[in-house]
């Protein structure tokens, strides 16, 4: 009994001290906005699941043994960051060999394209002139012996030998002349084209092997989180076998099933309020990005996706894949409803509430903060539908409400538009 009496007395003293402390500090400065009334479609809550906008089951394009696997489940990875590295010793040797062959083919092509060197042309010309001189000498010698043969001064064997040598000298001259012309003209165009084709073939072989080397490094296609590991260092993976699974959570989709009689009221681009029971202190606003035109024939429901910008902290994404979510979709006829700024909501308690300023009868811009529990409805831009003990035209606190206590004296320093953009936010309402 004494303990109970002491506890009550302590609470009274603390309350009195708290009231005196607030009185000493003076009224809290707040910014307010009016409660407005506007025609708004009635809403209905649909249960859904938070899903990543992208999910990739990443496999290996080639077979090989895993040399490095630097990631773990839950790790954040950047686009093109390596997930796994396969051994490349053998294929690197093949690349080196094919590159050496490519250099050989390129030098052969360069030799053909450069043509004959000046010294080679000079040598060919000298051989041609020497052959020409020898041919002229053999022709003169032949004429002289033919004249002697006509006078029976030489026998048949002598004349046949001279004729043979003159013919041979003429052919050698023709050969030397052709060699000189070839040296001046250079290689045939067809030979150069064949050499170019050989270079292209070899280049393709090198590119193929280098592509294989690149494929030995398995990378992630986008920024995201590793949610599954399918291999480990030392393990052999075959071509097409899974290595890891990555999901993107910079933005998330809330997938809800909407009954067929409500889905005609849902429109692409429509703003939707989303609640996540695991994060009761925040209200998220998303946009309808997809209405899948194929129903579940048993339940007669259509999948609808609401996209929300996620918040990434040092501890990871705020919204995680698989979380339960509730989306309030405007599915009924329009009716008059009370709307307040989203910044007026104070979350984190058993139910959302807002602070209404009851004006002081004798002091302008002074009043008391009255907490009003509300039911939250559909979102409309920066505004949100509320139901509770409220009236149109009343002022609700949208700046400084995170520090207020029930019945606290306040002074209004700024009256803002209900849909004003926030300057500073004590509560994250955009997700």
Protein backbone atom coordinates (compact mmCIF):
# COMPACT_ATOMS: atom_id res chain seq x y z
CA UNK A 1 0.00 0.00 0.00
CA UNK A 2 2.84 2.36 0.88
CA UNK A 3 4.59 1.44 -2.38
CA UNK A 4 1.49 2.27 -4.42
CA UNK A 5 1.03 5.58 -2.59
CA UNK A 6 4.68 6.48 -3.19
CA UNK A 7 4.41 5.61 -6.92
CA UNK A 8 1.33 7.82 -7.38
CA UNK A 9 3.03 10.65 -5.58
CA UNK A 10 6.15 10.28 -7.76
CA UNK A 11 4.06 10.44 -10.95
CA UNK A 12 2.24 13.55 -9.74
CA UNK A 13 5.54 15.22 -8.89
CA UNK A 14 7.02 14.32 -12.30
CA UNK A 15 3.93 15.62 -14.11
CA UNK A 16 4.01 18.84 -12.11
CA UNK A 17 7.73 19.26 -12.77
CA UNK A 18 7.22 18.55 -16.51
CA UNK A 19 4.42 21.14 -16.66
CA UNK A 20 6.54 23.70 -14.85
CA UNK A 21 9.49 22.96 -17.17
CA UNK A 22 7.36 23.47 -20.30
CA UNK A 23 5.94 26.67 -18.77
CA UNK A 24 9.46 27.92 -18.18
CA UNK A 25 10.49 27.16 -21.75
CA UNK A 26 7.42 28.91 -23.17
CA UNK A 27 5.13 27.77 -26.00
CA UNK A 28 6.47 25.55 -28.80
CA UNK A 29 6.87 27.19 -32.21
CA UNK A 30 5.01 25.33 -34.96
CA UNK A 31 4.03 25.60 -38.59
CA UNK A 32 0.43 24.79 -39.50
CA UNK A 33 -1.79 24.16 -42.50
CA UNK A 34 -5.55 24.06 -42.90
CA UNK A 35 -7.66 20.94 -43.12
CA UNK A 36 -9.34 21.05 -46.53
CA UNK A 37 -12.28 19.22 -47.97
CA UNK A 38 -12.11 17.84 -51.48
CA UNK A 39 -13.85 15.32 -53.67
CA UNK A 40 -11.85 12.10 -53.38
CA UNK A 41 -12.42 8.54 -54.46
CA UNK A 42 -13.08 6.12 -51.65
CA UNK A 43 -10.30 3.65 -51.01
CA UNK A 44 -9.89 0.03 -50.11
CA UNK A 45 -6.93 -1.76 -48.59
CA UNK A 46 -5.32 -4.64 -50.46
CA UNK A 47 -2.68 -6.92 -48.97
CA UNK A 48 0.45 -7.44 -51.01
CA UNK A 49 4.13 -8.29 -50.94
CA UNK A 50 7.23 -6.15 -51.41
CA UNK A 51 9.18 -7.40 -54.44
CA UNK A 52 12.42 -6.26 -56.11
CA UNK A 53 12.02 -4.53 -59.46
CA UNK A 54 14.84 -6.69 -60.87
CA UNK A 55 16.01 -10.17 -59.98
CA UNK A 56 18.82 -11.96 -61.78
CA UNK A 57 19.87 -15.58 -61.37
CA UNK A 58 23.44 -15.23 -62.66
CA UNK A 59 25.07 -18.24 -64.27
CA UNK A 60 28.45 -19.02 -65.78
CA UNK A 61 28.79 -18.70 -69.57
CA UNK A 62 31.70 -21.17 -69.59
CA UNK A 63 32.79 -24.19 -67.62
CA UNK A 64 35.64 -23.98 -65.15
CA UNK A 65 36.85 -24.23 -61.59
CA UNK A 66 36.04 -21.38 -59.19
CA UNK A 67 39.25 -19.64 -58.10
CA UNK A 68 37.66 -16.69 -56.29
CA UNK A 69 34.19 -16.10 -54.84
CA UNK A 70 34.46 -12.75 -52.98
CA UNK A 71 30.78 -12.15 -52.12
CA UNK A 72 28.44 -13.41 -49.44
CA UNK A 73 24.68 -13.44 -49.05
CA UNK A 74 23.45 -9.99 -48.05
CA UNK A 75 26.38 -8.13 -49.63
CA UNK A 76 25.67 -5.04 -51.72
CA UNK A 77 27.30 -5.22 -55.17
CA UNK A 78 27.75 -2.63 -57.87
CA UNK A 79 27.00 -3.17 -61.55
CA UNK A 80 29.84 -5.07 -63.30
CA UNK A 81 31.41 -6.02 -59.96
CA UNK A 82 32.94 -9.54 -60.06
CA UNK A 83 30.91 -12.22 -58.32
CA UNK A 84 33.22 -15.13 -59.12
CA UNK A 85 36.49 -15.77 -60.96
CA UNK A 86 37.24 -19.04 -62.76
CA UNK A 87 40.76 -20.35 -63.38
CA UNK A 88 42.23 -18.99 -66.64
CA UNK A 89 45.80 -20.42 -66.79
CA UNK A 90 45.24 -22.74 -69.77
CA UNK A 91 43.15 -20.34 -71.82
CA UNK A 92 45.68 -17.55 -71.23
CA UNK A 93 48.38 -19.73 -72.84
CA UNK A 94 46.09 -20.29 -75.83
CA UNK A 95 45.52 -16.55 -76.11
CA UNK A 96 49.28 -15.88 -76.12
CA UNK A 97 49.85 -18.46 -78.88
CA UNK A 98 47.07 -17.09 -81.08
CA UNK A 99 48.31 -13.52 -80.57
CA UNK A 100 51.78 -14.55 -81.74
CA UNK A 101 50.24 -16.13 -84.85
CA UNK A 102 48.26 -12.91 -85.41
CA UNK A 103 51.48 -10.87 -85.29
CA UNK A 104 53.01 -13.16 -87.91
CA UNK A 105 50.01 -12.72 -90.23
CA UNK A 106 50.11 -8.95 -89.79
CA UNK A 107 53.80 -8.78 -90.68
CA UNK A 108 53.20 -10.90 -93.79
CA UNK A 109 50.43 -8.52 -94.85
CA UNK A 110 52.63 -5.49 -94.20
CA UNK A 111 55.37 -7.05 -96.38
CA UNK A 112 52.95 -7.44 -99.27
CA UNK A 113 51.43 -3.98 -98.90
CA UNK A 114 54.85 -2.29 -98.78
CA UNK A 115 55.84 -3.89 -102.11
CA UNK A 116 59.40 -4.37 -103.37
CA UNK A 117 62.25 -2.50 -101.75
CA UNK A 118 64.32 -0.10 -103.94
CA UNK A 119 67.35 -2.35 -103.68
CA UNK A 120 65.32 -5.32 -104.95
CA UNK A 121 64.10 -3.28 -107.92
CA UNK A 122 67.68 -2.11 -108.64
CA UNK A 123 68.93 -5.71 -108.50
CA UNK A 124 66.16 -6.93 -110.83
CA UNK A 125 66.97 -4.14 -113.25
CA UNK A 126 70.67 -5.02 -113.22
CA UNK A 127 69.92 -8.71 -113.89
CA UNK A 128 67.62 -7.69 -116.74
CA UNK A 129 70.26 -5.46 -118.32
CA UNK A 130 72.91 -8.18 -117.99
CA UNK A 131 70.55 -10.68 -119.58
CA UNK A 132 69.83 -8.20 -122.37
CA UNK A 133 73.51 -7.68 -123.06
CA UNK A 134 74.14 -11.42 -123.18
CA UNK A 135 71.15 -11.89 -125.50
CA UNK A 136 72.41 -9.19 -127.88
CA UNK A 137 75.88 -10.75 -127.94
CA UNK A 138 74.44 -14.20 -128.69
CA UNK A 139 72.30 -12.76 -131.50
CA UNK A 140 75.33 -11.10 -133.15
CA UNK A 141 77.37 -14.28 -132.76
CA UNK A 142 74.57 -16.30 -134.33
CA UNK A 143 74.40 -13.99 -137.37
CA UNK A 144 78.13 -14.22 -137.86
CA UNK A 145 78.17 -18.03 -137.72
CA UNK A 146 75.14 -18.25 -139.97
CA UNK A 147 77.10 -16.24 -142.53
CA UNK A 148 80.07 -18.62 -142.18
CA UNK A 149 77.72 -21.61 -142.35
CA UNK A 150 76.38 -20.33 -145.69
CA UNK A 151 79.97 -20.44 -147.03
CA UNK A 152 80.47 -23.93 -145.55
CA UNK A 153 83.04 -22.56 -143.09
CA UNK A 154 81.43 -24.20 -140.00
CA UNK A 155 79.78 -27.53 -139.54
CA UNK A 156 76.19 -28.29 -138.48
CA UNK A 157 77.04 -28.95 -134.85
CA UNK A 158 78.64 -25.54 -134.45
CA UNK A 159 75.71 -23.66 -135.94
CA UNK A 160 73.16 -25.62 -133.88
CA UNK A 161 75.05 -24.84 -130.67
CA UNK A 162 75.15 -21.11 -131.45
CA UNK A 163 71.44 -21.06 -132.36
CA UNK A 164 70.62 -22.85 -129.09
CA UNK A 165 72.69 -20.42 -127.01
CA UNK A 166 71.10 -17.38 -128.67
CA UNK A 167 67.59 -18.72 -128.00
CA UNK A 168 68.51 -19.51 -124.40
CA UNK A 169 69.95 -15.99 -123.89
CA UNK A 170 66.81 -14.40 -125.32
CA UNK A 171 64.60 -16.44 -122.97
CA UNK A 172 66.74 -15.51 -119.99
CA UNK A 173 66.39 -11.86 -120.95
CA UNK A 174 62.63 -12.20 -121.21
CA UNK A 175 62.60 -13.84 -117.78
CA UNK A 176 64.75 -11.07 -116.24
CA UNK A 177 62.59 -8.39 -117.85
CA UNK A 178 59.41 -9.99 -116.41
CA UNK A 179 61.03 -10.23 -112.97
CA UNK A 180 61.95 -6.54 -113.12
CA UNK A 181 58.42 -5.53 -114.10
CA UNK A 182 57.00 -7.64 -111.26
CA UNK A 183 59.37 -6.01 -108.81
CA UNK A 184 58.29 -2.55 -109.98
CA UNK A 185 54.57 -3.42 -109.96
CA UNK A 186 54.64 -5.15 -106.55
CA UNK A 187 52.44 -8.02 -105.23
CA UNK A 188 49.11 -8.82 -106.86
CA UNK A 189 45.96 -7.36 -105.30
CA UNK A 190 44.60 -10.85 -104.81
CA UNK A 191 47.65 -11.81 -102.72
CA UNK A 192 47.12 -8.78 -100.49
CA UNK A 193 43.43 -9.61 -100.15
CA UNK A 194 44.29 -13.19 -99.15
CA UNK A 195 46.75 -11.90 -96.54
CA UNK A 196 44.10 -9.53 -95.15
CA UNK A 197 41.67 -12.43 -94.87
CA UNK A 198 44.27 -14.46 -92.99
CA UNK A 199 44.73 -11.55 -90.54
CA UNK A 200 40.96 -11.22 -90.07
CA UNK A 201 40.59 -14.96 -89.41
CA UNK A 202 43.38 -14.90 -86.86
CA UNK A 203 41.98 -11.75 -85.22
CA UNK A 204 38.61 -13.49 -84.85
CA UNK A 205 40.31 -16.43 -83.13
CA UNK A 206 42.07 -14.08 -80.70
CA UNK A 207 38.82 -12.17 -80.03
CA UNK A 208 37.00 -15.43 -79.38
CA UNK A 209 39.57 -16.57 -76.85
CA UNK A 210 39.68 -13.17 -75.15
CA UNK A 211 35.89 -13.26 -74.93
CA UNK A 212 36.21 -16.65 -73.26
CA UNK A 213 38.69 -15.14 -70.78
CA UNK A 214 36.22 -12.32 -69.99
CA UNK A 215 33.48 -14.89 -69.44
CA UNK A 216 35.68 -16.54 -66.81
CA UNK A 217 34.95 -13.44 -64.69
CA UNK A 218 31.28 -13.58 -63.69
CA UNK A 219 29.89 -10.10 -62.97
CA UNK A 220 26.63 -8.66 -61.68
CA UNK A 221 24.46 -6.87 -64.28
CA UNK A 222 23.14 -4.11 -61.97
CA UNK A 223 23.43 -2.60 -58.49
CA UNK A 224 21.80 -4.87 -55.95
CA UNK A 225 22.07 -7.32 -53.08
CA UNK A 226 23.28 -10.92 -53.18
CA UNK A 227 20.43 -13.09 -51.89
CA UNK A 228 21.67 -16.56 -52.82
CA UNK A 229 25.01 -18.33 -53.34
CA UNK A 230 25.16 -21.39 -55.59
CA UNK A 231 28.88 -22.18 -55.63
CA UNK A 232 32.11 -21.91 -53.61
CA UNK A 233 35.86 -21.66 -54.18
CA UNK A 234 37.25 -24.87 -55.67
CA UNK A 235 33.92 -26.04 -57.04
CA UNK A 236 33.58 -26.88 -60.73
CA UNK A 237 30.77 -25.06 -62.55
CA UNK A 238 29.45 -26.04 -65.95
CA UNK A 239 28.35 -23.65 -68.66
CA UNK A 240 24.92 -22.31 -67.73
CA UNK A 241 25.15 -23.37 -64.08
CA UNK A 242 23.99 -20.83 -61.48
CA UNK A 243 26.58 -18.94 -59.44
CA UNK A 244 24.60 -16.36 -57.45
CA UNK A 245 21.29 -14.49 -57.34
CA UNK A 246 21.08 -10.69 -57.13
CA UNK A 247 18.07 -8.40 -56.58
CA UNK A 248 17.75 -4.63 -57.09
CA UNK A 249 16.10 -2.77 -54.21
CA UNK A 250 16.72 0.90 -55.08
CA UNK A 251 13.04 0.86 -55.99
CA UNK A 252 10.59 -1.87 -55.04
CA UNK A 253 7.21 -3.05 -56.29
CA UNK A 254 4.32 -3.88 -54.01
CA UNK A 255 2.29 -6.53 -55.81
CA UNK A 256 -1.35 -6.70 -54.72
CA UNK A 257 -4.28 -8.74 -55.99
CA UNK A 258 -7.25 -6.52 -56.88
CA UNK A 259 -10.75 -7.91 -57.27
CA UNK A 260 -12.18 -7.68 -60.77
CA UNK A 261 -14.98 -5.28 -59.74
CA UNK A 262 -12.38 -2.85 -58.34
CA UNK A 263 -9.70 -3.06 -61.04
CA UNK A 264 -11.57 -0.76 -63.52
CA UNK A 265 -11.05 2.11 -61.04
CA UNK A 266 -7.27 1.62 -60.91
CA UNK A 267 -5.25 3.75 -63.33
CA UNK A 268 -1.59 3.74 -64.32
CA UNK A 269 0.31 6.61 -62.68
CA UNK A 270 -2.15 6.79 -59.80
CA UNK A 271 -0.62 7.69 -56.43
CA UNK A 272 -1.14 5.05 -53.76
CA UNK A 273 -0.53 5.04 -50.02
CA UNK A 274 1.30 1.96 -48.79
CA UNK A 275 1.70 0.76 -45.23
CA UNK A 276 4.25 -1.82 -44.12
CA UNK A 277 3.34 -3.36 -40.74
CA UNK A 278 7.01 -4.02 -39.99
CA UNK A 279 7.70 -0.25 -40.28
CA UNK A 280 4.69 1.33 -38.55
CA UNK A 281 6.37 4.71 -38.06
CA UNK A 282 6.39 5.47 -41.80
CA UNK A 283 3.84 5.95 -44.53
CA UNK A 284 5.03 5.24 -48.06
CA UNK A 285 3.66 6.71 -51.27
CA UNK A 286 3.95 4.81 -54.52
CA UNK A 287 2.73 4.92 -58.09
CA UNK A 288 0.78 2.30 -59.99
CA UNK A 289 3.16 1.17 -62.74
CA UNK A 290 1.53 -2.02 -63.96
CA UNK A 291 -1.93 -3.57 -64.18
CA UNK A 292 -1.44 -7.10 -65.44
CA UNK A 293 -4.40 -7.99 -67.69
CA UNK A 294 -4.53 -11.65 -66.67
CA UNK A 295 -6.65 -12.67 -63.71
CA UNK A 296 -6.32 -15.57 -61.34
CA UNK A 297 -9.29 -17.55 -62.68
CA UNK A 298 -10.06 -19.02 -59.26
CA UNK A 299 -10.03 -15.81 -57.22
CA UNK A 300 -10.90 -13.42 -60.08
CA UNK A 301 -8.18 -11.03 -58.99
CA UNK A 302 -5.75 -9.04 -61.12
CA UNK A 303 -2.11 -8.37 -60.12
CA UNK A 304 -1.35 -4.67 -59.71
CA UNK A 305 2.18 -3.34 -59.08
CA UNK A 306 2.80 -0.19 -57.05
CA UNK A 307 6.36 1.16 -57.32
CA UNK A 308 7.99 2.83 -54.30
CA UNK A 309 11.37 4.58 -54.00
CA UNK A 310 13.28 2.71 -51.32
CA UNK A 311 15.48 4.21 -48.62
CA UNK A 312 18.99 2.76 -48.45
CA UNK A 313 20.80 3.13 -45.14
CA UNK A 314 24.18 1.92 -43.91
CA UNK A 315 22.33 -1.12 -42.56
CA UNK A 316 20.77 -1.93 -45.92
CA UNK A 317 17.45 -1.23 -47.64
CA UNK A 318 14.53 -0.13 -45.49
CA UNK A 319 12.03 -2.07 -47.58
CA UNK A 320 13.13 -5.66 -48.06
CA UNK A 321 11.95 -8.27 -50.50
CA UNK A 322 9.13 -10.40 -49.16
CA UNK A 323 7.80 -7.90 -46.61
CA UNK A 324 4.05 -7.74 -46.03
CA UNK A 325 2.49 -4.51 -47.31
CA UNK A 326 -0.97 -2.95 -47.53
CA UNK A 327 -1.83 -0.65 -50.42
CA UNK A 328 -4.85 1.65 -50.27
CA UNK A 329 -6.23 1.91 -53.80
CA UNK A 330 -9.00 4.36 -54.79
CA UNK A 331 -11.60 1.91 -56.00
CA UNK A 332 -14.98 3.54 -55.41
CA UNK A 333 -17.04 6.54 -56.42
CA UNK A 334 -15.79 10.01 -55.49
CA UNK A 335 -17.08 11.65 -52.33
CA UNK A 336 -16.21 14.64 -50.16
CA UNK A 337 -13.39 13.89 -47.74
CA UNK A 338 -11.08 15.76 -45.37
CA UNK A 339 -7.44 16.03 -46.48
CA UNK A 340 -4.32 17.10 -44.59
CA UNK A 341 -0.64 17.36 -45.40
CA UNK A 342 1.19 14.07 -45.01
CA UNK A 343 3.60 15.90 -42.72
CA UNK A 344 0.78 16.29 -40.20
CA UNK A 345 0.78 12.57 -39.46
CA UNK A 346 2.49 11.44 -36.29
CA UNK A 347 3.22 7.73 -36.54
CA UNK A 348 4.77 5.11 -34.34
CA UNK A 349 1.94 4.79 -31.83
CA UNK A 350 -0.99 2.36 -31.71
CA UNK A 351 -2.80 4.52 -34.29
CA UNK A 352 -1.83 7.49 -36.47
CA UNK A 353 -2.68 10.89 -35.03
CA UNK A 354 -2.41 14.59 -35.84
CA UNK A 355 -2.16 17.68 -33.64
CA UNK A 356 -4.94 20.25 -34.06
CA UNK A 357 -4.25 23.75 -32.75
CA UNK A 358 -7.15 25.06 -30.65
CA UNK A 359 -6.72 28.84 -30.88
CA UNK A 360 -6.34 30.97 -27.75
CA UNK A 361 -9.36 33.28 -27.20
CA UNK A 362 -7.22 36.27 -26.22
CA UNK A 363 -3.87 35.82 -28.00
CA UNK A 364 -3.51 35.81 -31.76
CA UNK A 365 -1.42 32.92 -33.20
CA UNK A 366 -1.37 31.18 -29.80
CA UNK A 367 -3.19 28.01 -28.84
CA UNK A 368 -2.96 24.51 -27.46
CA UNK A 369 -2.03 21.27 -29.25
CA UNK A 370 -4.87 18.76 -29.20
CA UNK A 371 -4.01 15.21 -30.35
CA UNK A 372 -6.64 13.60 -32.60
CA UNK A 373 -6.42 9.90 -33.54
CA UNK A 374 -7.25 9.40 -37.24
CA UNK A 375 -7.88 6.74 -39.80
CA UNK A 376 -5.79 7.27 -42.92
CA UNK A 377 -7.29 6.89 -46.38
CA UNK A 378 -6.09 7.38 -49.96
CA UNK A 379 -3.18 9.63 -50.92
CA UNK A 380 -3.51 12.60 -53.24
CA UNK A 381 -0.10 14.11 -53.99
CA UNK A 382 1.22 15.75 -50.81
CA UNK A 383 -2.22 15.32 -49.21
CA UNK A 384 -3.76 12.33 -47.55
CA UNK A 385 -7.33 11.52 -46.56
CA UNK A 386 -8.07 11.34 -42.81
CA UNK A 387 -11.11 10.42 -40.75
CA UNK A 388 -11.52 11.52 -37.13
CA UNK A 389 -12.80 14.28 -34.86
CA UNK A 390 -11.83 16.98 -37.34
CA UNK A 391 -13.43 19.92 -39.14
CA UNK A 392 -12.64 21.67 -42.36
CA UNK A 393 -10.64 24.85 -41.81
CA UNK A 394 -8.99 23.74 -38.57
CA UNK A 395 -5.24 24.17 -38.37
CA UNK A 396 -3.06 21.09 -37.97
CA UNK A 397 0.62 21.12 -37.09
CA UNK A 398 2.94 20.10 -39.94
CA UNK A 399 6.20 21.59 -38.57
CA UNK A 400 7.42 20.80 -35.08
CA UNK A 401 4.81 18.10 -34.38
CA UNK A 402 7.49 15.56 -33.48
CA UNK A 403 8.26 17.49 -30.27
CA UNK A 404 4.71 18.24 -29.12
CA UNK A 405 2.91 16.85 -26.09
CA UNK A 406 -0.87 16.74 -25.60
CA UNK A 407 -2.18 20.07 -24.28
CA UNK A 408 1.11 21.87 -24.85
CA UNK A 409 0.98 25.62 -25.56
CA UNK A 410 2.05 26.52 -29.09
CA UNK A 411 2.69 29.65 -31.11
CA UNK A 412 2.07 29.61 -34.83
CA UNK A 413 5.03 31.06 -36.71
CA UNK A 414 3.98 30.05 -40.21
CA UNK A 415 0.74 29.14 -41.98
CA UNK A 416 1.46 27.06 -45.07
CA UNK A 417 -0.42 25.55 -47.95
CA UNK A 418 -1.62 22.00 -47.14
CA UNK A 419 0.30 20.60 -50.10
CA UNK A 420 3.52 22.56 -49.44
CA UNK A 421 6.78 20.70 -50.02
CA UNK A 422 8.63 19.93 -46.77
CA UNK A 423 11.69 21.97 -45.79
CA UNK A 424 12.79 19.63 -43.05
CA UNK A 425 11.14 16.36 -42.20
CA UNK A 426 11.05 14.65 -38.86
CA UNK A 427 9.24 11.71 -40.39
CA UNK A 428 10.07 10.09 -43.70
CA UNK A 429 6.78 9.91 -45.60
CA UNK A 430 8.14 9.25 -49.06
CA UNK A 431 9.82 5.92 -48.40
